[in-house]
Amino acid sequence: MRVTKSARIIAGTALLALGLAACGSQSSTGDGTASADRPVRMELGEPQKLFYPGDTTESEGSEVLAAVFAPLVSYDENKQVVDDVAESIKTTDNKVWTIKLKPGYTWHNGDPLTAQNYVDAWNYAANQDNAQSANGFFSRIEGWADLNPGEGKPVSAEGMKGLQVVDDTTFKVTLSQPFSQFKTMLGYTAFYPLPKVAFGDDGKITDTYAKQPIGQGYFKFDKPYNKGTDQTINLTRYDAFPGEKPKFDKLQFKLYSSSETAFNDLRAGNLDIHDSLPPSAVASAKAELGERYIDQADAGVGYIGFPLQYNKLYSDVRVREAISMAIDRKTIAETVFSGTRAPADDFINPLLDGYRAGACAVCTYDPAKAKAQYAAANGPKTLELGYNSDGPHKEWIEAVANNLRANLGVDVQVKPFEKFASILDELDKKTYGGMFRMGWAIDYPSAENYLTPIFSTVAIKTGSNYAGWSNKEFDDLLAKGDTAPTQEEGLKFYQQADDILIKELPYVPVYFYRTNAAFSQHVKGVKINLLNQVEWINVEKVD
């Protein structure tokens, strides 16, 4: 999964009286680099971790890895799967899949890409001893259970028996049960391969590799990335990449803790791409930037989550329902977001098959019912709501807090975390007990992707189930959807699982996203894809 740092919002509001100053013309100091040598520069929040593909499940690290690695499959504008590094992915029964690689791909150190590189990477990510956060994505492969016997139990298997190398460019994947959407998953970060040099003598991925990963994609790292001190991540085009290559040589990710500062830099020409415009800056962005302003549909969902596993304050579903009914989604979408959001009424985004308008009845604003139900459930008198301040969330989180104060008669304390990585770390460690802002950018175009990685039981330890919520009926319906003979038949079971989420509300869906981004006068052709990642092949410098 890719939990997302930013809400990509495009406007603030005086109505909420939040006291944000309008964006000025200040900017970070330019580097003085000559135009010909200047890289294409993109805004990024600090990645949560170093660059382990199987342990990168958030948007910032995924953006970097997408520039360095090439996926087995990608997705076209119609959300259809397109073979990428894979020459073919075939099955006759949705259980045994044969994957053949295109010729010509090499690692950035010159070694050839082989089928064994995929088998090694997937076995590593699936092994509980390696504590990779994307472990659960491999749970459908036969033999995954042998690598995950449970906490305190030793792993005896060397790898998943469902992975078999046929030859240098072909490998076979046997699933424990048929899964019609297996090919659709394979564009996700977790399924990238790893070169032999990634592993040390102990079989672990080395810190040296994680700081300067060697990929087989468009760009290669110039030097190791030192997390916590480096403010840029510098890449150079890999000219041995087969097929079409980016039209520029250098790419730089600039790390920001303030979206406003990043936007100021873009206006001053010191930044080229910003994919999460701040509300204080973009009320006039469209008029100021013209065709360099991007506003497009997005498959993401914005939530308020509850740490159900370790904070009993939220254990009564009536409390969670009351909180949901107390949120004025329509006003937040129209006023805070200036109409660039839609009130969420399902856990599945409208861009994907499976969405049902009005599915979530308790997502409808009803302050009177919310107050009465909250009182009847003896809801807590004080609530805390956390969010990451390196993304533009302050306005809408404050709006939610104001709704809860006014409609439930409670004290709401808003807690900002300086970095997205910080709140994720505390949620991982189960040390933050308040409600929390969360966002979801899809990993692959399927209704299942809104369900399994965030809410399944297996995702508590090997995924992104930060609520710690578990429901056997939900898990069983996911399994039925997975094993249905076609995606269309599976969708019926996924919608039934969605109904359980709506009934239980481990998270409260608040809005459906739009992408609101901008680029400088120094570049053109900027396009952001379905996964909310820049399509580097389309970008050109203008100098």
Protein backbone atom coordinates (compact mmCIF):
# COMPACT_ATOMS: atom_id res chain seq x y z
CA MET A 1 0.00 0.00 0.00
CA ARG A 2 0.96 3.59 -0.22
CA VAL A 3 -0.35 5.68 2.59
CA THR A 4 -0.10 9.21 1.38
CA LYS A 5 1.54 12.19 2.99
CA SER A 6 -0.47 14.88 1.35
CA ALA A 7 -4.04 15.83 0.79
CA ARG A 8 -3.12 17.68 -2.41
CA ILE A 9 -5.55 20.42 -1.48
CA ILE A 10 -5.86 23.56 -3.51
CA ALA A 11 -7.53 26.18 -1.35
CA GLY A 12 -7.94 27.43 2.19
CA THR A 13 -10.76 29.39 3.71
CA ALA A 14 -11.25 32.51 5.74
CA LEU A 15 -14.53 31.03 6.95
CA LEU A 16 -12.70 28.80 9.38
CA ALA A 17 -10.61 31.70 10.64
CA LEU A 18 -7.48 29.64 10.88
CA GLY A 19 -5.18 32.60 10.59
CA LEU A 20 -3.04 31.45 7.67
CA ALA A 21 -1.20 34.22 5.92
CA ALA A 22 -1.40 34.40 2.15
CA CYS A 23 1.53 33.00 0.26
CA GLY A 24 4.25 35.56 -0.35
CA SER A 25 7.05 35.63 -2.87
CA GLN A 26 9.86 34.47 -0.59
CA SER A 27 11.81 31.42 -1.67
CA SER A 28 14.64 29.21 -0.58
CA THR A 29 18.02 30.30 -1.79
CA GLY A 30 18.66 29.19 -5.37
CA ASP A 31 21.73 27.07 -6.08
CA GLY A 32 22.95 29.23 -8.95
CA THR A 33 23.34 26.22 -11.23
CA ALA A 34 23.54 26.98 -14.94
CA SER A 35 20.41 26.03 -16.87
CA ALA A 36 22.09 23.29 -18.88
CA ASP A 37 23.34 21.57 -15.71
CA ARG A 38 20.29 22.12 -13.54
CA PRO A 39 18.34 18.95 -12.68
CA VAL A 40 14.59 18.62 -12.84
CA ARG A 41 13.65 19.23 -9.21
CA MET A 42 10.61 17.74 -7.46
CA GLU A 43 9.19 18.42 -4.01
CA LEU A 44 9.13 15.45 -1.62
CA GLY A 45 8.52 14.85 2.07
CA GLU A 46 11.18 12.89 3.91
CA PRO A 47 10.73 9.15 3.20
CA GLN A 48 9.78 7.15 6.28
CA LYS A 49 12.62 4.67 5.86
CA LEU A 50 15.62 3.89 3.70
CA PHE A 51 14.99 2.38 0.29
CA TYR A 52 13.98 -1.24 0.77
CA PRO A 53 11.31 -2.02 -1.87
CA GLY A 54 9.61 -4.53 0.43
CA ASP A 55 9.57 -2.01 3.27
CA THR A 56 8.43 1.10 1.39
CA THR A 57 4.70 1.46 1.82
CA GLU A 58 4.28 5.23 1.79
CA SER A 59 4.08 7.79 -0.98
CA GLU A 60 7.41 9.59 -0.57
CA GLY A 61 9.70 6.59 -0.69
CA SER A 62 7.58 5.03 -3.43
CA GLU A 63 8.01 8.12 -5.63
CA VAL A 64 11.80 7.77 -5.45
CA LEU A 65 11.79 4.02 -6.07
CA ALA A 66 9.45 4.45 -9.07
CA ALA A 67 12.18 6.54 -10.71
CA VAL A 68 14.88 3.95 -9.95
CA PHE A 69 13.03 0.69 -10.67
CA ALA A 70 10.90 -0.49 -13.60
CA PRO A 71 7.78 -2.54 -12.70
CA LEU A 72 6.63 -5.80 -14.23
CA VAL A 73 3.40 -4.10 -15.30
CA SER A 74 2.04 -0.58 -15.49
CA TYR A 75 -1.42 0.89 -16.07
CA ASP A 76 -2.85 2.88 -18.95
CA GLU A 77 -5.26 5.82 -18.80
CA ASN A 78 -8.19 3.39 -18.81
CA LYS A 79 -6.82 1.65 -15.70
CA GLN A 80 -5.93 -1.44 -17.74
CA VAL A 81 -2.83 -3.52 -17.05
CA VAL A 82 0.01 -3.14 -19.56
CA ASP A 83 3.09 -5.39 -19.66
CA ASP A 84 6.21 -3.37 -18.79
CA VAL A 85 9.35 -5.32 -17.85
CA ALA A 86 7.26 -8.45 -18.29
CA GLU A 87 7.07 -9.74 -21.84
CA SER A 88 4.13 -11.91 -20.82
CA ILE A 89 2.26 -13.02 -17.69
CA LYS A 90 0.12 -16.08 -18.40
CA THR A 91 -2.22 -18.37 -16.49
CA THR A 92 -4.88 -20.92 -17.32
CA ASP A 93 -6.40 -21.25 -13.85
CA ASN A 94 -5.57 -18.00 -11.94
CA LYS A 95 -3.42 -20.10 -9.61
CA VAL A 96 -0.24 -20.89 -11.53
CA TRP A 97 1.25 -17.86 -13.29
CA THR A 98 4.22 -17.87 -15.66
CA ILE A 99 6.13 -14.60 -15.93
CA LYS A 100 8.59 -14.04 -18.78
CA LEU A 101 10.88 -10.99 -18.79
CA LYS A 102 11.70 -8.84 -21.80
CA PRO A 103 15.34 -9.04 -22.92
CA GLY A 104 17.81 -6.20 -22.52
CA TYR A 105 17.22 -5.03 -18.94
CA THR A 106 20.30 -4.58 -16.79
CA TRP A 107 20.97 -3.36 -13.29
CA HIS A 108 22.62 0.00 -12.85
CA ASN A 109 25.92 -1.81 -12.16
CA GLY A 110 25.70 -3.56 -15.55
CA ASP A 111 24.60 -7.00 -14.34
CA PRO A 112 21.75 -8.57 -16.33
CA LEU A 113 18.27 -8.65 -14.83
CA THR A 114 17.22 -12.27 -14.20
CA ALA A 115 14.20 -14.18 -12.96
CA GLN A 116 16.19 -15.13 -9.86
CA ASN A 117 16.32 -11.45 -8.88
CA TYR A 118 12.52 -11.46 -8.50
CA VAL A 119 12.45 -14.72 -6.57
CA ASP A 120 15.15 -13.47 -4.19
CA ALA A 121 13.39 -10.14 -3.61
CA TRP A 122 9.96 -11.66 -3.02
CA ASN A 123 11.27 -14.33 -0.66
CA TYR A 124 13.09 -11.66 1.33
CA ALA A 125 10.04 -9.42 1.64
CA ALA A 126 7.82 -12.37 2.60
CA ASN A 127 10.06 -13.63 5.43
CA GLN A 128 8.84 -12.52 8.86
CA ASP A 129 12.42 -12.35 10.16
CA ASN A 130 13.10 -9.45 7.80
CA ALA A 131 10.17 -7.38 9.15
CA GLN A 132 9.25 -5.87 5.79
CA SER A 133 6.04 -3.83 5.90
CA ALA A 134 4.85 -5.14 2.51
CA ASN A 135 5.10 -8.75 3.68
CA GLY A 136 1.35 -9.29 3.44
CA PHE A 137 1.28 -8.68 -0.30
CA PHE A 138 2.95 -12.06 -0.75
CA SER A 139 0.51 -13.96 1.48
CA ARG A 140 -1.30 -15.44 -1.50
CA ILE A 141 1.83 -17.26 -2.74
CA GLU A 142 2.11 -20.93 -1.79
CA GLY A 143 4.63 -21.32 1.01
CA TRP A 144 4.17 -17.85 2.51
CA ALA A 145 2.91 -19.43 5.73
CA ASP A 146 6.21 -21.35 6.05
CA LEU A 147 8.05 -18.01 6.14
CA ASN A 148 5.57 -16.63 8.67
CA PRO A 149 5.07 -19.24 11.42
CA GLY A 150 4.27 -16.52 13.96
CA GLU A 151 5.95 -14.39 16.56
CA GLY A 152 8.61 -16.24 18.52
CA LYS A 153 8.62 -19.22 16.17
CA PRO A 154 11.65 -19.91 13.97
CA VAL A 155 11.45 -19.79 10.19
CA SER A 156 12.61 -23.14 8.82
CA ALA A 157 11.93 -22.69 5.10
CA GLU A 158 14.46 -21.01 2.81
CA GLY A 159 11.80 -19.55 0.54
CA MET A 160 8.27 -19.88 -0.73
CA LYS A 161 7.71 -23.16 -2.55
CA GLY A 162 5.35 -21.32 -4.88
CA LEU A 163 8.26 -19.50 -6.54
CA GLN A 164 10.22 -21.43 -9.17
CA VAL A 165 12.88 -20.18 -11.58
CA VAL A 166 12.35 -21.78 -15.00
CA ASP A 167 15.28 -20.12 -16.79
CA ASP A 168 17.15 -16.80 -16.67
CA THR A 169 14.17 -14.84 -17.96
CA THR A 170 11.23 -16.92 -16.76
CA PHE A 171 9.78 -17.77 -13.36
CA LYS A 172 6.62 -19.46 -12.20
CA VAL A 173 4.39 -18.34 -9.34
CA THR A 174 1.97 -20.78 -7.71
CA LEU A 175 -0.64 -19.26 -5.43
CA SER A 176 -2.26 -21.08 -2.53
CA GLN A 177 -5.67 -20.25 -4.02
CA PRO A 178 -6.70 -18.82 -7.40
CA PHE A 179 -6.56 -15.01 -7.52
CA SER A 180 -7.81 -13.42 -10.71
CA GLN A 181 -6.17 -10.06 -9.96
CA PHE A 182 -2.64 -11.29 -9.31
CA LYS A 183 -1.28 -9.74 -12.50
CA THR A 184 -2.94 -6.43 -11.62
CA MET A 185 -0.95 -6.30 -8.36
CA LEU A 186 2.44 -6.59 -10.00
CA GLY A 187 2.93 -2.88 -10.71
CA TYR A 188 3.30 -2.22 -6.99
CA THR A 189 6.59 -1.27 -5.31
CA ALA A 190 6.75 -4.47 -3.23
CA PHE A 191 7.12 -6.57 -6.38
CA TYR A 192 10.31 -4.91 -7.63
CA PRO A 193 13.31 -7.25 -8.03
CA LEU A 194 16.62 -6.99 -6.16
CA PRO A 195 20.16 -7.53 -7.52
CA LYS A 196 22.57 -9.97 -5.89
CA VAL A 197 24.67 -7.08 -4.58
CA ALA A 198 21.75 -5.95 -2.39
CA PHE A 199 22.41 -8.83 0.00
CA GLY A 200 25.19 -9.20 2.52
CA ASP A 201 26.88 -12.40 3.65
CA ASP A 202 24.12 -12.86 6.23
CA GLY A 203 21.43 -12.82 3.55
CA LYS A 204 20.09 -9.45 4.67
CA ILE A 205 19.76 -6.33 2.54
CA THR A 206 22.68 -4.13 3.52
CA ASP A 207 22.36 -0.56 4.76
CA THR A 208 24.81 0.36 2.02
CA TYR A 209 22.35 -0.83 -0.59
CA ALA A 210 19.31 0.75 1.11
CA LYS A 211 21.05 4.14 1.11
CA GLN A 212 22.00 3.88 -2.57
CA PRO A 213 19.77 1.27 -4.19
CA ILE A 214 20.80 -0.18 -7.53
CA GLY A 215 17.72 -0.49 -9.72
CA GLN A 216 16.93 -1.34 -13.34
CA GLY A 217 14.79 1.71 -14.12
CA TYR A 218 15.16 5.15 -15.68
CA PHE A 219 17.48 6.72 -13.09
CA LYS A 220 20.36 5.68 -10.85
CA PHE A 221 21.48 7.15 -7.52
CA ASP A 222 24.45 9.54 -7.65
CA LYS A 223 25.47 8.94 -4.04
CA PRO A 224 24.17 7.40 -0.81
CA TYR A 225 21.19 9.07 0.84
CA ASN A 226 21.77 9.87 4.52
CA LYS A 227 18.34 10.00 6.11
CA GLY A 228 17.86 12.82 8.57
CA THR A 229 20.67 15.00 7.23
CA ASP A 230 20.48 15.07 3.43
CA GLN A 231 17.99 17.53 1.98
CA THR A 232 18.18 16.23 -1.58
CA ILE A 233 18.18 12.87 -3.35
CA ASN A 234 20.14 13.11 -6.59
CA LEU A 235 19.69 10.81 -9.57
CA THR A 236 21.19 10.52 -13.07
CA ARG A 237 19.55 8.97 -16.12
CA TYR A 238 20.63 5.37 -16.77
CA ASP A 239 21.49 5.42 -20.45
CA ALA A 240 21.59 1.63 -20.76
CA PHE A 241 17.88 1.45 -19.99
CA PRO A 242 16.21 -0.35 -22.92
CA GLY A 243 13.57 1.43 -24.95
CA GLU A 244 12.47 5.03 -24.57
CA LYS A 245 14.37 7.06 -21.98
CA PRO A 246 13.65 10.33 -20.18
CA LYS A 247 14.57 13.44 -22.15
CA PHE A 248 16.67 14.96 -19.36
CA ASP A 249 19.80 13.81 -17.58
CA LYS A 250 19.41 14.76 -13.93
CA LEU A 251 16.55 14.37 -11.43
CA GLN A 252 16.61 15.80 -7.92
CA PHE A 253 14.10 15.22 -5.13
CA LYS A 254 14.17 18.17 -2.71
CA LEU A 255 12.96 17.33 0.78
CA TYR A 256 10.58 19.77 2.46
CA SER A 257 8.81 19.88 5.81
CA SER A 258 6.57 22.71 4.61
CA SER A 259 4.37 22.60 1.54
CA GLU A 260 4.17 26.40 1.57
CA THR A 261 7.95 26.73 1.37
CA ALA A 262 7.99 24.31 -1.54
CA PHE A 263 5.37 26.33 -3.40
CA ASN A 264 7.31 29.54 -2.83
CA ASP A 265 10.36 27.82 -4.31
CA LEU A 266 8.35 26.75 -7.35
CA ARG A 267 7.13 30.30 -7.95
CA ALA A 268 10.70 31.57 -7.68
CA GLY A 269 11.99 28.97 -10.15
CA ASN A 270 13.92 26.98 -7.55
CA LEU A 271 11.62 23.95 -7.78
CA ASP A 272 10.06 22.40 -10.86
CA ILE A 273 7.31 20.01 -9.71
CA HIS A 274 5.06 20.22 -6.66
CA ASP A 275 2.32 17.59 -6.47
CA SER A 276 0.59 18.74 -3.25
CA LEU A 277 -0.20 22.43 -3.39
CA PRO A 278 -0.88 24.11 -0.02
CA PRO A 279 -4.16 25.83 0.76
CA SER A 280 -2.45 29.09 1.67
CA ALA A 281 -0.86 29.29 -1.77
CA VAL A 282 -3.24 28.03 -4.37
CA ALA A 283 -6.33 30.17 -4.20
CA SER A 284 -4.74 32.05 -7.09
CA ALA A 285 -2.62 29.20 -8.48
CA LYS A 286 -4.78 28.57 -11.52
CA ALA A 287 -4.78 32.23 -12.56
CA GLU A 288 -1.10 32.69 -11.80
CA LEU A 289 0.23 29.48 -13.34
CA GLY A 290 -2.27 28.86 -16.13
CA GLU A 291 -1.47 25.64 -17.97
CA ARG A 292 1.22 24.86 -15.39
CA TYR A 293 -1.50 24.16 -12.83
CA ILE A 294 -2.83 20.57 -12.69
CA ASP A 295 -6.28 19.60 -11.43
CA GLN A 296 -7.34 16.04 -12.17
CA ALA A 297 -9.33 13.13 -10.78
CA ASP A 298 -7.56 11.00 -8.18
CA ALA A 299 -8.30 7.50 -6.90
CA GLY A 300 -7.32 8.32 -3.31
CA VAL A 301 -9.41 8.46 -0.14
CA GLY A 302 -8.90 10.64 2.95
CA TYR A 303 -9.81 9.16 6.34
CA ILE A 304 -9.93 9.69 10.07
CA GLY A 305 -8.67 6.50 11.74
CA PHE A 306 -9.11 4.98 15.20
CA PRO A 307 -6.42 2.96 17.03
CA LEU A 308 -8.93 0.29 18.04
CA GLN A 309 -6.43 -2.39 18.95
CA TYR A 310 -4.85 -0.48 21.81
CA ASN A 311 -7.20 2.35 22.79
CA LYS A 312 -10.59 1.30 24.13
CA LEU A 313 -11.95 4.88 24.04
CA TYR A 314 -13.17 4.18 20.52
CA SER A 315 -14.30 0.57 20.98
CA ASP A 316 -18.03 1.35 20.84
CA VAL A 317 -19.07 1.56 17.19
CA ARG A 318 -21.81 4.00 18.17
CA VAL A 319 -19.08 6.48 19.16
CA ARG A 320 -17.38 6.05 15.79
CA GLU A 321 -20.69 6.43 13.95
CA ALA A 322 -21.49 9.60 15.89
CA ILE A 323 -18.08 11.06 15.03
CA SER A 324 -18.73 10.27 11.37
CA MET A 325 -22.20 11.84 11.36
CA ALA A 326 -20.80 14.96 13.10
CA ILE A 327 -18.43 15.72 10.20
CA ASP A 328 -19.79 18.16 7.63
CA ARG A 329 -18.11 16.64 4.58
CA LYS A 330 -19.97 18.81 2.09
CA THR A 331 -18.80 22.08 3.62
CA ILE A 332 -15.25 20.76 4.00
CA ALA A 333 -15.21 19.67 0.35
CA GLU A 334 -16.73 22.88 -0.98
CA THR A 335 -15.17 25.44 1.36
CA VAL A 336 -11.87 24.13 2.67
CA PHE A 337 -11.08 22.40 -0.61
CA SER A 338 -12.84 24.95 -2.84
CA GLY A 339 -14.86 22.23 -4.51
CA THR A 340 -11.88 20.07 -5.41
CA ARG A 341 -12.93 17.20 -3.17
CA ALA A 342 -16.07 15.11 -3.02
CA PRO A 343 -17.64 14.01 0.27
CA ALA A 344 -16.78 10.34 0.78
CA ASP A 345 -19.76 8.00 0.97
CA ASP A 346 -17.96 4.67 0.50
CA PHE A 347 -14.59 3.09 1.23
CA ILE A 348 -14.08 2.53 -2.52
CA ASN A 349 -13.26 5.53 -4.70
CA PRO A 350 -15.66 6.41 -7.58
CA LEU A 351 -12.87 6.01 -10.16
CA LEU A 352 -12.81 2.23 -9.58
CA ASP A 353 -15.41 -0.40 -10.33
CA GLY A 354 -17.18 -1.34 -7.11
CA TYR A 355 -18.01 2.12 -5.81
CA ARG A 356 -21.64 2.62 -4.75
CA ALA A 357 -22.99 6.11 -4.25
CA GLY A 358 -24.46 6.60 -0.78
CA ALA A 359 -23.27 3.22 0.50
CA CYS A 360 -22.16 4.72 3.82
CA ALA A 361 -25.33 6.05 5.47
CA VAL A 362 -23.45 7.28 8.57
CA CYS A 363 -21.23 9.36 6.29
CA THR A 364 -24.21 11.71 5.89
CA TYR A 365 -24.05 14.85 8.02
CA ASP A 366 -26.60 14.62 10.85
CA PRO A 367 -25.43 16.68 13.86
CA ALA A 368 -28.57 16.15 15.94
CA LYS A 369 -28.47 12.38 15.61
CA ALA A 370 -24.70 12.40 16.16
CA LYS A 371 -25.01 14.31 19.43
CA ALA A 372 -27.80 12.12 20.78
CA GLN A 373 -26.02 8.89 19.85
CA TYR A 374 -22.69 10.07 21.24
CA ALA A 375 -24.35 10.94 24.56
CA ALA A 376 -26.20 7.61 24.67
CA ALA A 377 -22.92 5.77 24.10
CA ASN A 378 -21.25 7.83 26.84
CA GLY A 379 -18.56 8.92 24.40
CA PRO A 380 -15.30 10.39 25.74
CA LYS A 381 -15.38 14.05 26.77
CA THR A 382 -11.96 14.73 25.23
CA LEU A 383 -10.70 13.61 21.83
CA GLU A 384 -7.30 13.95 20.20
CA LEU A 385 -6.77 14.17 16.46
CA GLY A 386 -3.27 13.80 14.97
CA TYR A 387 -2.02 14.75 11.52
CA ASN A 388 1.27 15.33 9.69
CA SER A 389 2.09 18.99 9.19
CA ASP A 390 4.53 18.41 6.31
CA GLY A 391 1.45 17.97 4.13
CA PRO A 392 -1.29 20.58 3.76
CA HIS A 393 -3.76 19.16 6.29
CA LYS A 394 -4.13 21.82 8.96
CA GLU A 395 -7.26 23.42 7.48
CA TRP A 396 -9.36 20.33 7.00
CA ILE A 397 -8.26 18.71 10.25
CA GLU A 398 -9.16 21.91 12.14
CA ALA A 399 -12.49 21.92 10.33
CA VAL A 400 -13.18 18.35 11.48
CA ALA A 401 -12.14 19.28 15.02
CA ASN A 402 -14.50 22.27 14.96
CA ASN A 403 -17.33 20.03 13.77
CA LEU A 404 -16.75 17.62 16.65
CA ARG A 405 -16.53 20.40 19.22
CA ALA A 406 -19.74 22.05 18.01
CA ASN A 407 -21.81 18.95 17.28
CA LEU A 408 -20.73 16.54 20.03
CA GLY A 409 -19.97 19.06 22.79
CA VAL A 410 -16.49 17.66 23.38
CA ASP A 411 -13.00 19.08 23.74
CA VAL A 412 -10.85 18.21 20.73
CA GLN A 413 -7.08 18.57 20.89
CA VAL A 414 -5.35 18.72 17.52
CA LYS A 415 -1.85 17.27 17.50
CA PRO A 416 0.47 18.07 14.56
CA PHE A 417 3.39 15.76 13.77
CA GLU A 418 6.23 17.53 11.95
CA LYS A 419 6.75 14.68 9.49
CA PHE A 420 4.53 12.05 7.95
CA ALA A 421 7.19 9.50 8.88
CA SER A 422 6.80 10.44 12.55
CA ILE A 423 3.10 9.68 12.83
CA LEU A 424 3.56 6.45 10.84
CA ASP A 425 6.34 5.38 13.20
CA GLU A 426 4.19 6.00 16.26
CA LEU A 427 1.27 4.14 14.72
CA ASP A 428 3.59 1.25 13.83
CA LYS A 429 4.86 1.14 17.42
CA LYS A 430 1.32 1.64 18.82
CA THR A 431 2.45 4.58 20.92
CA TYR A 432 -0.06 7.14 19.60
CA GLY A 433 -3.56 6.66 20.99
CA GLY A 434 -5.49 9.49 19.35
CA MET A 435 -7.57 9.55 16.21
CA PHE A 436 -5.35 10.07 13.20
CA ARG A 437 -5.47 11.50 9.71
CA MET A 438 -4.72 8.91 7.04
CA GLY A 439 -4.80 8.91 3.26
CA TRP A 440 -4.67 6.16 0.68
CA ALA A 441 -3.18 6.30 -2.80
CA ILE A 442 -3.87 3.09 -4.65
CA ASP A 443 -1.14 0.59 -5.45
CA TYR A 444 -3.02 -0.95 -8.36
CA PRO A 445 -6.47 -0.38 -9.92
CA SER A 446 -8.76 -2.77 -8.04
CA ALA A 447 -11.49 -2.39 -5.42
CA GLU A 448 -9.62 -5.08 -3.46
CA ASN A 449 -6.75 -2.63 -2.96
CA TYR A 450 -8.97 -0.42 -0.76
CA LEU A 451 -9.70 -3.40 1.50
CA THR A 452 -6.99 -6.02 2.03
CA PRO A 453 -3.87 -3.87 2.62
CA ILE A 454 -5.59 -1.53 5.11
CA PHE A 455 -8.23 -3.57 6.91
CA SER A 456 -7.47 -7.31 6.70
CA THR A 457 -6.22 -9.18 9.76
CA VAL A 458 -2.96 -10.09 8.03
CA ALA A 459 -2.31 -6.38 7.43
CA ILE A 460 -2.08 -5.69 11.18
CA LYS A 461 1.45 -7.08 11.30
CA THR A 462 2.40 -7.30 7.65
CA GLY A 463 0.60 -4.37 6.09
CA SER A 464 -0.95 -1.03 6.97
CA ASN A 465 -3.84 -1.85 9.26
CA TYR A 466 -3.06 0.96 11.70
CA ALA A 467 -6.45 0.55 13.38
CA GLY A 468 -5.56 -3.00 14.36
CA TRP A 469 -9.13 -3.96 13.45
CA SER A 470 -9.90 -7.62 12.74
CA ASN A 471 -13.08 -9.27 11.51
CA LYS A 472 -13.28 -12.90 10.38
CA GLU A 473 -16.34 -12.39 8.19
CA PHE A 474 -14.55 -9.55 6.41
CA ASP A 475 -11.45 -11.70 5.84
CA ASP A 476 -13.58 -14.60 4.57
CA LEU A 477 -15.34 -12.35 2.05
CA LEU A 478 -11.98 -11.09 0.80
CA ALA A 479 -10.91 -14.70 0.31
CA LYS A 480 -14.07 -15.41 -1.68
CA GLY A 481 -13.46 -12.36 -3.83
CA ASP A 482 -9.85 -13.40 -4.39
CA THR A 483 -10.76 -16.91 -5.51
CA ALA A 484 -13.70 -15.96 -7.74
CA PRO A 485 -13.07 -17.05 -11.34
CA THR A 486 -13.32 -13.52 -12.73
CA GLN A 487 -12.74 -10.01 -11.44
CA GLU A 488 -16.40 -9.20 -12.08
CA GLU A 489 -17.57 -12.07 -9.87
CA GLY A 490 -14.99 -11.22 -7.22
CA LEU A 491 -16.26 -7.66 -7.06
CA LYS A 492 -19.56 -8.82 -5.52
CA PHE A 493 -17.70 -10.27 -2.54
CA TYR A 494 -15.48 -7.21 -2.19
CA GLN A 495 -18.60 -5.05 -2.00
CA GLN A 496 -19.97 -7.30 0.75
CA ALA A 497 -16.68 -6.84 2.61
CA ASP A 498 -17.04 -3.10 2.06
CA ASP A 499 -20.47 -3.31 3.73
CA ILE A 500 -18.81 -4.73 6.85
CA LEU A 501 -16.35 -1.83 6.92
CA ILE A 502 -19.27 0.59 6.72
CA LYS A 503 -20.97 -1.23 9.59
CA GLU A 504 -17.86 -1.36 11.79
CA LEU A 505 -16.07 1.90 10.80
CA PRO A 506 -12.45 1.18 11.80
CA TYR A 507 -11.77 4.33 9.77
CA VAL A 508 -14.16 7.12 8.81
CA PRO A 509 -13.93 8.04 5.11
CA VAL A 510 -14.07 11.84 4.82
CA TYR A 511 -13.36 12.78 1.19
CA PHE A 512 -12.32 11.52 -2.21
CA TYR A 513 -9.16 13.14 -3.54
CA ARG A 514 -8.25 15.18 -6.56
CA THR A 515 -4.66 15.78 -7.62
CA ASN A 516 -3.75 19.47 -7.48
CA ALA A 517 -0.19 20.08 -8.59
CA ALA A 518 1.95 22.59 -10.44
CA PHE A 519 5.18 22.84 -12.38
CA SER A 520 7.62 25.63 -13.13
CA GLN A 521 8.40 27.46 -16.34
CA HIS A 522 11.56 25.35 -16.63
CA VAL A 523 9.73 22.11 -17.54
CA LYS A 524 6.81 20.90 -19.65
CA GLY A 525 4.93 17.66 -20.22
CA VAL A 526 4.37 16.96 -16.53
CA LYS A 527 1.85 14.17 -16.07
CA ILE A 528 0.83 12.44 -12.85
CA ASN A 529 -0.45 8.89 -13.24
CA LEU A 530 -3.11 6.81 -11.51
CA LEU A 531 -0.65 5.89 -8.74
CA ASN A 532 0.03 9.60 -8.07
CA GLN A 533 3.55 9.33 -9.47
CA VAL A 534 5.17 11.51 -12.11
CA GLU A 535 5.55 9.96 -15.58
CA TRP A 536 9.19 10.92 -16.12
CA ILE A 537 9.20 9.78 -19.74
CA ASN A 538 6.92 12.73 -20.62
CA VAL A 539 8.83 15.50 -18.81
CA GLU A 540 11.07 17.87 -20.77
CA LYS A 541 13.25 20.78 -19.70
CA VAL A 542 12.52 24.20 -21.13
CA ASP A 543 15.64 26.38 -21.11
